[in-house]
Amino acid sequence: MAPTARAAALVAVAALSALVAPAWVAAIAVLVVAGVVVADALSVRTPPRVDREVAAVQSRGVGSRVVVRVAAAGRARVRQPVPPDLFLDPDERDQGLLATVTPMRRGRHSVPPVAVRVTGRLGLGAWYHQRCGEATEVTVYPDLPAARTLAMAVRQGRFRDAGHLTRGPLGLGTDFETIREYQPDDDVRQINWSATRRTGRPMSNQYRIEQDREVICVVDTGRLMGAPLGDRTRLDAAVDAVAAVALVADEVGDRCGVVAFDDAIRRSVRPRRNGGDAVVRAVFDLEPTPVESDHELAFRTVGGLKRALVIVLTDLLEESAARPLVDAVPVLARRHAVVVATATDTDLARIVEREPRQPHDVYEAAVAVDVLAARARAAALLRRVGADVVEARPEALGAACVRAYLRAKARARL
């Protein structure tokens, strides 16, 4: 229970009346105002009825609607508290709330009950209801909308590198699927001249890559993967990429699995047909751990499986830090096609590209150049031992991994 600003003003007026009236009259006036304030607050002490709509399943970085409806005896001010991993805008409003919640971190989060302040009809007293309704659990997955967009683009032949899938001899690892309108990236050998003559506009044959191949995503969850990259961590970018590869594998009929590791195997899903959902559920709540990663252990886990494309999502810092990874890659490269994928550091790129304005900027840029050069040397070591290296901005890592995956299929490396 609490008085409002209006009540405070009335009490002040009643107290100031002592300047023109006897003191006992002013005291009685103050007591009357206080009684009215208490009565007004007690009239709204019954908890209001609250109806809240919040999506139980959400995607990291993708906003969704939150609606809070309140039925109260007086005027209500609604506030929705959220944990620090969720961003709500706005978080407070009169008579109800229509807001957008944006999850900033994957995993399971609890949205607390709504807090409501109800003001009595006279506007003098208010009652605070701290917990209206029940807590709601929200499950936050990786950026699935972006992954589904990539899968849809592959299905419709609109993926940026789709035209490269048939640059080799047509028929190598491909099956005819359908006829569609010609697109600028299409190989001229895909043109269906009969359909073009019949429709009066260029038409292309679309080919489906061979199915029933295997792709395994190996996700590093060690200490280096906790490094921040803008609004996400390296592990967030890696998990988004895993979701993209898994959904595309479902789309093209391949089997997809995943292994997550640090100094032990944390999650493992064997490659299976239509395994995208299982892969996403296995990795959506992974968090980085403060330990060194054992790449050799992870590679031995997948090394004896059927030949596959193994996409290793990790960080390349410099040669000495990458040495365990470089030493372990030959274990895989003897049997599998290996791709090492990593997100570039956007802060380093920005430091190098901006114009220095003071001596400190020059020193900062020199350090950034050294770090980038060390990463380039680590990537060169990996290529030397038989791995392809994919580097992309955090938001584009999923598309880059899908591009490497489809290119490997087109070259019959699986």
Protein backbone atom coordinates (compact mmCIF):
# COMPACT_ATOMS: atom_id res chain seq x y z
CA MET A 1 0.00 0.00 0.00
CA ALA A 2 1.24 3.51 -0.82
CA PRO A 3 -0.12 7.05 -1.15
CA THR A 4 -0.10 8.73 -4.53
CA ALA A 5 1.22 12.16 -5.47
CA ARG A 6 -2.33 13.48 -5.27
CA ALA A 7 -2.61 12.24 -1.69
CA ALA A 8 0.68 13.91 -0.79
CA ALA A 9 -0.62 17.19 -2.25
CA LEU A 10 -3.83 16.97 -0.20
CA VAL A 11 -1.89 16.26 2.99
CA ALA A 12 0.30 19.29 2.28
CA VAL A 13 -2.76 21.48 1.75
CA ALA A 14 -4.33 20.19 4.97
CA ALA A 15 -1.13 20.88 6.91
CA LEU A 16 -0.80 24.38 5.46
CA SER A 17 -4.35 25.16 6.60
CA ALA A 18 -2.85 25.58 10.07
CA LEU A 19 -1.66 28.99 8.87
CA VAL A 20 -5.24 30.29 8.64
CA ALA A 21 -7.13 27.96 11.00
CA PRO A 22 -6.62 26.51 14.46
CA ALA A 23 -4.03 23.73 14.68
CA TRP A 24 -6.60 21.15 15.77
CA VAL A 25 -8.61 21.80 12.60
CA ALA A 26 -5.51 21.21 10.48
CA ALA A 27 -4.75 18.00 12.40
CA ILE A 28 -8.26 16.70 11.85
CA ALA A 29 -7.99 17.54 8.13
CA VAL A 30 -4.72 15.61 7.87
CA LEU A 31 -6.26 12.61 9.64
CA VAL A 32 -9.31 12.68 7.37
CA VAL A 33 -7.09 12.76 4.27
CA ALA A 34 -4.99 9.88 5.65
CA GLY A 35 -8.11 7.82 6.32
CA VAL A 36 -9.43 8.43 2.81
CA VAL A 37 -6.03 7.41 1.39
CA VAL A 38 -6.07 4.15 3.36
CA ALA A 39 -9.66 3.41 2.36
CA ASP A 40 -8.89 4.12 -1.28
CA ALA A 41 -5.89 1.77 -1.19
CA LEU A 42 -7.82 -0.99 0.60
CA SER A 43 -10.51 -0.84 -2.08
CA VAL A 44 -7.99 -2.23 -4.61
CA ARG A 45 -6.13 -4.71 -2.41
CA THR A 46 -7.70 -7.69 -4.19
CA PRO A 47 -5.18 -9.03 -6.75
CA PRO A 48 -6.29 -8.16 -10.29
CA ARG A 49 -6.95 -10.80 -12.92
CA VAL A 50 -3.99 -10.98 -15.30
CA ASP A 51 -3.89 -12.70 -18.69
CA ARG A 52 -0.45 -12.93 -20.30
CA GLU A 53 0.47 -14.15 -23.78
CA VAL A 54 4.13 -15.00 -24.40
CA ALA A 55 5.51 -17.51 -26.90
CA ALA A 56 6.84 -20.60 -25.17
CA VAL A 57 9.33 -21.28 -28.00
CA GLN A 58 11.44 -18.46 -29.42
CA SER A 59 14.62 -17.93 -31.44
CA ARG A 60 17.71 -16.06 -30.31
CA GLY A 61 17.82 -12.52 -31.64
CA VAL A 62 14.29 -12.69 -33.08
CA GLY A 63 11.62 -10.53 -31.42
CA SER A 64 8.17 -11.85 -30.51
CA ARG A 65 5.08 -10.26 -29.03
CA VAL A 66 4.18 -10.15 -25.34
CA VAL A 67 0.63 -9.16 -24.39
CA VAL A 68 -0.51 -8.57 -20.80
CA ARG A 69 -4.18 -7.83 -20.11
CA VAL A 70 -5.30 -6.71 -16.67
CA ALA A 71 -8.80 -6.54 -15.17
CA ALA A 72 -8.56 -4.39 -12.02
CA ALA A 73 -10.96 -2.39 -9.83
CA GLY A 74 -8.94 0.80 -10.39
CA ARG A 75 -6.31 2.22 -12.70
CA ALA A 76 -3.50 -0.29 -13.21
CA ARG A 77 0.18 0.22 -14.01
CA VAL A 78 1.68 -3.00 -15.38
CA ARG A 79 5.35 -3.94 -15.23
CA GLN A 80 6.80 -7.14 -16.67
CA PRO A 81 10.18 -8.10 -15.14
CA VAL A 82 12.41 -10.28 -17.31
CA PRO A 83 15.73 -12.06 -16.73
CA PRO A 84 18.86 -10.34 -18.10
CA ASP A 85 19.03 -12.71 -21.09
CA LEU A 86 15.72 -11.35 -22.43
CA PHE A 87 15.22 -7.77 -23.63
CA LEU A 88 11.69 -6.35 -23.33
CA ASP A 89 10.58 -3.07 -24.90
CA PRO A 90 8.64 -1.46 -23.31
CA ASP A 91 8.57 -3.19 -19.94
CA GLU A 92 5.98 -0.98 -18.22
CA ARG A 93 2.70 0.64 -19.25
CA ASP A 94 -0.73 1.68 -17.96
CA GLN A 95 -3.78 -0.59 -18.14
CA GLY A 96 -1.95 -3.41 -19.93
CA LEU A 97 1.18 -4.13 -21.89
CA LEU A 98 1.92 -4.74 -25.56
CA ALA A 99 5.67 -5.25 -25.96
CA THR A 100 8.36 -7.05 -27.92
CA VAL A 101 10.68 -9.51 -26.21
CA THR A 102 14.00 -10.36 -27.87
CA PRO A 103 15.98 -13.29 -26.44
CA MET A 104 19.70 -12.58 -26.33
CA ARG A 105 20.77 -16.03 -25.18
CA ARG A 106 19.78 -19.59 -26.02
CA GLY A 107 18.44 -22.04 -23.46
CA ARG A 108 15.54 -22.12 -21.04
CA HIS A 109 14.52 -18.95 -19.26
CA SER A 110 11.83 -18.23 -16.69
CA VAL A 111 9.65 -15.15 -17.20
CA PRO A 112 8.53 -14.00 -13.72
CA PRO A 113 4.93 -13.12 -12.82
CA VAL A 114 3.64 -9.66 -13.67
CA ALA A 115 3.87 -6.81 -11.15
CA VAL A 116 0.83 -4.51 -11.01
CA ARG A 117 0.23 -1.27 -9.14
CA VAL A 118 -3.49 -0.56 -8.85
CA THR A 119 -4.63 2.96 -7.91
CA GLY A 120 -8.01 3.46 -6.24
CA ARG A 121 -10.88 5.28 -7.90
CA LEU A 122 -10.14 8.48 -5.96
CA GLY A 123 -6.53 8.42 -7.08
CA LEU A 124 -5.27 8.79 -3.52
CA GLY A 125 -4.11 5.30 -2.55
CA ALA A 126 -2.43 2.48 -4.47
CA TRP A 127 -1.78 -1.19 -3.76
CA TYR A 128 1.25 -3.05 -5.12
CA HIS A 129 0.69 -6.62 -6.31
CA GLN A 130 4.18 -8.02 -6.84
CA ARG A 131 3.30 -11.44 -8.26
CA CYS A 132 0.22 -11.66 -10.45
CA GLY A 133 -0.14 -14.90 -12.33
CA GLU A 134 2.46 -17.62 -12.69
CA ALA A 135 6.01 -17.75 -14.01
CA THR A 136 6.34 -18.96 -17.61
CA GLU A 137 9.23 -20.99 -19.03
CA VAL A 138 10.51 -19.83 -22.40
CA THR A 139 12.67 -22.09 -24.55
CA VAL A 140 15.05 -20.15 -26.78
CA TYR A 141 16.46 -21.95 -29.81
CA PRO A 142 19.17 -20.77 -32.22
CA ASP A 143 18.25 -18.42 -35.06
CA LEU A 144 15.86 -20.88 -36.74
CA PRO A 145 14.17 -18.33 -39.04
CA ALA A 146 17.51 -17.63 -40.72
CA ALA A 147 18.22 -21.38 -40.97
CA ARG A 148 14.80 -22.06 -42.51
CA THR A 149 15.33 -19.22 -44.98
CA LEU A 150 18.57 -20.86 -46.13
CA ALA A 151 16.88 -24.25 -46.44
CA MET A 152 14.04 -22.71 -48.46
CA ALA A 153 16.53 -20.96 -50.74
CA VAL A 154 18.29 -24.27 -51.38
CA ARG A 155 14.97 -25.98 -52.10
CA GLN A 156 13.94 -23.32 -54.61
CA GLY A 157 17.36 -23.05 -56.23
CA ARG A 158 17.78 -19.46 -55.00
CA PHE A 159 20.74 -20.03 -52.70
CA ARG A 160 23.61 -17.79 -53.70
CA ASP A 161 25.96 -20.63 -54.58
CA ALA A 162 23.26 -22.86 -56.06
CA GLY A 163 24.54 -22.10 -59.56
CA HIS A 164 27.88 -23.61 -58.59
CA LEU A 165 26.37 -26.98 -57.77
CA THR A 166 26.50 -28.08 -61.39
CA ARG A 167 29.70 -26.42 -62.56
CA GLY A 168 31.24 -29.84 -62.92
CA PRO A 169 29.87 -32.39 -65.40
CA LEU A 170 26.10 -32.37 -65.17
CA GLY A 171 24.90 -35.59 -63.62
CA LEU A 172 27.89 -35.95 -61.26
CA GLY A 173 26.11 -36.55 -58.01
CA THR A 174 22.90 -34.93 -59.25
CA ASP A 175 19.39 -36.03 -60.17
CA PHE A 176 16.90 -34.10 -62.27
CA GLU A 177 14.22 -32.58 -60.06
CA THR A 178 12.11 -29.96 -61.85
CA ILE A 179 12.01 -27.16 -64.41
CA ARG A 180 12.00 -23.54 -63.30
CA GLU A 181 12.67 -20.11 -64.72
CA TYR A 182 16.27 -19.38 -65.67
CA GLN A 183 18.26 -17.35 -63.13
CA PRO A 184 21.44 -15.36 -63.77
CA ASP A 185 23.62 -17.74 -61.71
CA ASP A 186 22.48 -20.86 -63.62
CA ASP A 187 24.92 -22.82 -65.74
CA VAL A 188 24.02 -22.40 -69.41
CA ARG A 189 24.05 -26.23 -69.68
CA GLN A 190 21.01 -26.30 -67.41
CA ILE A 191 18.80 -24.50 -69.94
CA ASN A 192 15.87 -26.62 -71.09
CA TRP A 193 15.50 -25.51 -74.70
CA SER A 194 12.22 -27.33 -75.28
CA ALA A 195 10.57 -25.67 -72.29
CA THR A 196 12.11 -22.33 -73.30
CA ARG A 197 10.60 -22.57 -76.78
CA ARG A 198 7.24 -23.68 -75.39
CA THR A 199 6.93 -20.90 -72.76
CA GLY A 200 8.67 -18.11 -74.61
CA ARG A 201 11.04 -17.35 -71.74
CA PRO A 202 14.30 -18.99 -70.54
CA MET A 203 13.73 -22.11 -68.44
CA SER A 204 16.27 -24.20 -66.55
CA ASN A 205 16.48 -27.77 -65.35
CA GLN A 206 16.92 -27.96 -61.60
CA TYR A 207 18.96 -30.85 -60.26
CA ARG A 208 18.87 -32.39 -56.83
CA ILE A 209 22.14 -33.42 -55.29
CA GLU A 210 22.57 -37.09 -54.40
CA GLN A 211 20.88 -38.05 -51.17
CA ASP A 212 21.73 -40.25 -48.20
CA ARG A 213 25.13 -38.70 -47.60
CA GLU A 214 26.30 -37.92 -44.08
CA VAL A 215 27.34 -34.63 -42.51
CA ILE A 216 28.51 -34.31 -38.91
CA CYS A 217 28.87 -30.99 -37.10
CA VAL A 218 31.56 -31.02 -34.39
CA VAL A 219 31.00 -28.09 -32.02
CA ASP A 220 33.72 -26.81 -29.71
CA THR A 221 32.26 -25.56 -26.40
CA GLY A 222 35.56 -24.80 -24.65
CA ARG A 223 36.70 -21.51 -23.16
CA LEU A 224 37.61 -19.81 -26.45
CA MET A 225 34.01 -20.15 -27.66
CA GLY A 226 32.78 -17.82 -24.94
CA ALA A 227 34.40 -14.78 -26.58
CA PRO A 228 31.82 -12.08 -27.39
CA LEU A 229 31.13 -11.13 -31.01
CA GLY A 230 28.78 -8.16 -30.94
CA ASP A 231 25.40 -9.32 -29.64
CA ARG A 232 26.43 -13.00 -29.46
CA THR A 233 29.28 -15.30 -28.50
CA ARG A 234 31.35 -17.50 -30.77
CA LEU A 235 29.33 -20.45 -29.55
CA ASP A 236 26.08 -18.68 -30.48
CA ALA A 237 27.37 -18.18 -34.02
CA ALA A 238 28.47 -21.83 -34.17
CA VAL A 239 25.12 -23.16 -32.97
CA ASP A 240 23.28 -20.97 -35.50
CA ALA A 241 25.49 -22.48 -38.21
CA VAL A 242 24.75 -26.02 -36.98
CA ALA A 243 21.01 -25.32 -37.22
CA ALA A 244 21.41 -24.04 -40.79
CA VAL A 245 23.44 -27.08 -41.92
CA ALA A 246 21.03 -29.50 -40.22
CA LEU A 247 17.92 -28.03 -41.84
CA VAL A 248 19.57 -27.91 -45.26
CA ALA A 249 20.65 -31.55 -44.86
CA ASP A 250 17.01 -32.45 -44.18
CA GLU A 251 16.02 -30.52 -47.29
CA VAL A 252 18.45 -32.29 -49.63
CA GLY A 253 17.84 -35.74 -48.11
CA ASP A 254 21.12 -36.26 -46.25
CA ARG A 255 21.73 -37.59 -42.76
CA CYS A 256 22.97 -35.10 -40.17
CA GLY A 257 24.49 -35.60 -36.73
CA VAL A 258 26.35 -33.55 -34.15
CA VAL A 259 29.05 -33.92 -31.51
CA ALA A 260 29.61 -31.18 -28.90
CA PHE A 261 32.75 -31.31 -26.79
CA ASP A 262 35.11 -29.51 -24.47
CA ASP A 263 37.43 -31.74 -22.43
CA ALA A 264 34.73 -34.42 -22.70
CA ILE A 265 31.90 -35.29 -25.04
CA ARG A 266 28.92 -33.20 -23.93
CA ARG A 267 26.35 -34.07 -26.61
CA SER A 268 26.26 -36.66 -29.37
CA VAL A 269 23.64 -37.39 -32.02
CA ARG A 270 24.50 -39.97 -34.66
CA PRO A 271 23.71 -39.04 -38.27
CA ARG A 272 20.14 -39.88 -39.19
CA ARG A 273 17.63 -39.08 -41.90
CA ASN A 274 15.51 -36.02 -41.10
CA GLY A 275 17.76 -35.47 -38.10
CA GLY A 276 17.57 -31.66 -38.11
CA ASP A 277 15.16 -31.41 -35.18
CA ALA A 278 17.21 -33.82 -33.08
CA VAL A 279 20.40 -31.90 -33.82
CA VAL A 280 18.86 -28.54 -32.92
CA ARG A 281 17.38 -29.92 -29.68
CA ALA A 282 20.75 -31.37 -28.74
CA VAL A 283 22.69 -28.12 -29.06
CA PHE A 284 20.23 -25.28 -28.39
CA ASP A 285 21.17 -24.88 -24.71
CA LEU A 286 24.94 -25.43 -24.96
CA GLU A 287 27.06 -22.94 -23.04
CA PRO A 288 30.85 -22.40 -23.16
CA THR A 289 32.86 -23.94 -20.33
CA PRO A 290 36.14 -22.58 -18.85
CA VAL A 291 38.27 -25.57 -19.92
CA GLU A 292 40.62 -26.41 -22.76
CA SER A 293 39.00 -28.40 -25.55
CA ASP A 294 40.20 -31.90 -26.40
CA HIS A 295 39.97 -32.00 -30.20
CA GLU A 296 41.60 -35.41 -30.44
CA LEU A 297 38.90 -36.95 -28.23
CA ALA A 298 36.14 -35.44 -30.35
CA PHE A 299 37.76 -36.52 -33.60
CA ARG A 300 38.24 -40.08 -32.36
CA THR A 301 34.52 -40.14 -31.57
CA VAL A 302 33.56 -39.49 -35.20
CA GLY A 303 36.66 -40.88 -36.88
CA GLY A 304 35.41 -44.46 -37.16
CA LEU A 305 32.00 -43.60 -38.60
CA LYS A 306 30.99 -43.92 -42.22
CA ARG A 307 32.69 -41.40 -44.53
CA ALA A 308 31.09 -38.00 -44.04
CA LEU A 309 31.63 -34.30 -44.29
CA VAL A 310 32.80 -33.21 -40.85
CA ILE A 311 32.29 -29.51 -40.13
CA VAL A 312 34.34 -28.46 -37.10
CA LEU A 313 33.07 -25.22 -35.56
CA THR A 314 35.77 -23.73 -33.37
CA ASP A 315 37.95 -20.65 -32.88
CA LEU A 316 41.29 -19.96 -34.57
CA LEU A 317 43.31 -17.69 -32.32
CA GLU A 318 46.94 -18.21 -33.30
CA GLU A 319 49.36 -21.02 -34.16
CA SER A 320 50.14 -22.27 -30.67
CA ALA A 321 46.49 -22.27 -29.59
CA ALA A 322 45.50 -24.00 -32.83
CA ARG A 323 48.27 -26.63 -32.56
CA PRO A 324 46.05 -29.27 -30.81
CA LEU A 325 43.49 -28.82 -33.57
CA VAL A 326 46.14 -29.03 -36.32
CA ASP A 327 47.60 -32.18 -34.78
CA ALA A 328 44.17 -33.82 -34.52
CA VAL A 329 42.85 -33.02 -38.02
CA PRO A 330 44.83 -35.85 -39.74
CA VAL A 331 42.86 -38.32 -37.59
CA LEU A 332 39.77 -37.22 -39.48
CA ALA A 333 41.22 -36.32 -42.86
CA ARG A 334 42.29 -39.93 -43.53
CA ARG A 335 38.65 -40.99 -43.74
CA HIS A 336 36.44 -37.91 -43.93
CA ALA A 337 36.19 -34.61 -45.74
CA VAL A 338 36.98 -31.96 -43.12
CA VAL A 339 35.88 -28.33 -42.97
CA VAL A 340 36.99 -26.08 -40.12
CA ALA A 341 34.58 -23.15 -39.75
CA THR A 342 35.14 -20.10 -37.57
CA ALA A 343 33.54 -16.69 -37.12
CA THR A 344 35.68 -13.66 -37.82
CA ASP A 345 36.09 -11.02 -35.14
CA THR A 346 34.15 -7.97 -36.33
CA ASP A 347 35.78 -5.73 -33.71
CA LEU A 348 39.27 -6.50 -35.06
CA ALA A 349 38.15 -5.79 -38.62
CA ARG A 350 36.63 -2.49 -37.54
CA ILE A 351 39.81 -1.45 -35.72
CA VAL A 352 41.94 -2.18 -38.78
CA GLU A 353 39.60 -0.38 -41.19
CA ARG A 354 38.99 2.84 -39.26
CA GLU A 355 41.23 5.86 -39.68
CA PRO A 356 43.48 6.46 -36.63
CA ARG A 357 42.93 9.78 -34.88
CA GLN A 358 45.43 9.50 -32.03
CA PRO A 359 48.55 7.44 -31.20
CA HIS A 360 46.51 4.96 -29.18
CA ASP A 361 44.52 4.09 -32.32
CA VAL A 362 47.75 3.27 -34.18
CA TYR A 363 48.92 0.91 -31.42
CA GLU A 364 45.47 -0.70 -31.28
CA ALA A 365 45.45 -1.25 -35.05
CA ALA A 366 48.96 -2.76 -34.93
CA VAL A 367 47.84 -5.32 -32.34
CA ALA A 368 44.72 -6.11 -34.37
CA VAL A 369 46.82 -6.68 -37.49
CA ASP A 370 49.10 -9.05 -35.55
CA VAL A 371 46.11 -11.04 -34.26
CA LEU A 372 44.57 -11.30 -37.74
CA ALA A 373 47.91 -12.40 -39.18
CA ALA A 374 48.21 -15.08 -36.50
CA ARG A 375 44.72 -16.35 -37.36
CA ALA A 376 45.68 -16.47 -41.03
CA ARG A 377 48.77 -18.53 -40.21
CA ALA A 378 46.67 -20.94 -38.12
CA ALA A 379 44.25 -21.32 -41.05
CA ALA A 380 47.17 -22.01 -43.40
CA LEU A 381 48.40 -24.79 -41.08
CA LEU A 382 44.97 -26.41 -41.16
CA ARG A 383 44.80 -26.29 -44.95
CA ARG A 384 48.24 -27.87 -45.07
CA VAL A 385 47.04 -30.92 -43.11
CA GLY A 386 44.01 -31.49 -45.33
CA ALA A 387 41.16 -29.35 -43.98
CA ASP A 388 39.18 -26.68 -45.78
CA VAL A 389 38.87 -23.51 -43.73
CA VAL A 390 35.73 -21.36 -43.78
CA GLU A 391 35.80 -17.90 -42.20
CA ALA A 392 32.79 -15.58 -42.17
CA ARG A 393 31.15 -12.86 -40.13
CA PRO A 394 29.11 -14.24 -37.21
CA GLU A 395 25.75 -13.55 -38.89
CA ALA A 396 26.95 -15.14 -42.16
CA LEU A 397 28.67 -18.23 -40.73
CA GLY A 398 25.62 -20.44 -41.30
CA ALA A 399 25.43 -19.51 -44.99
CA ALA A 400 29.18 -20.05 -45.38
CA CYS A 401 28.95 -23.54 -43.84
CA VAL A 402 25.99 -24.42 -46.07
CA ARG A 403 27.97 -23.20 -49.08
CA ALA A 404 30.93 -25.41 -48.14
CA TYR A 405 28.60 -28.37 -47.56
CA LEU A 406 26.86 -28.05 -50.94
CA ARG A 407 30.18 -27.50 -52.71
CA ALA A 408 31.54 -30.72 -51.18
CA LYS A 409 28.45 -32.61 -52.37
CA ALA A 410 28.78 -31.20 -55.87
CA ARG A 411 32.40 -32.35 -55.99
CA ALA A 412 31.43 -35.83 -54.80
CA ARG A 413 33.65 -35.54 -51.72
CA LEU A 414 31.09 -37.25 -49.45
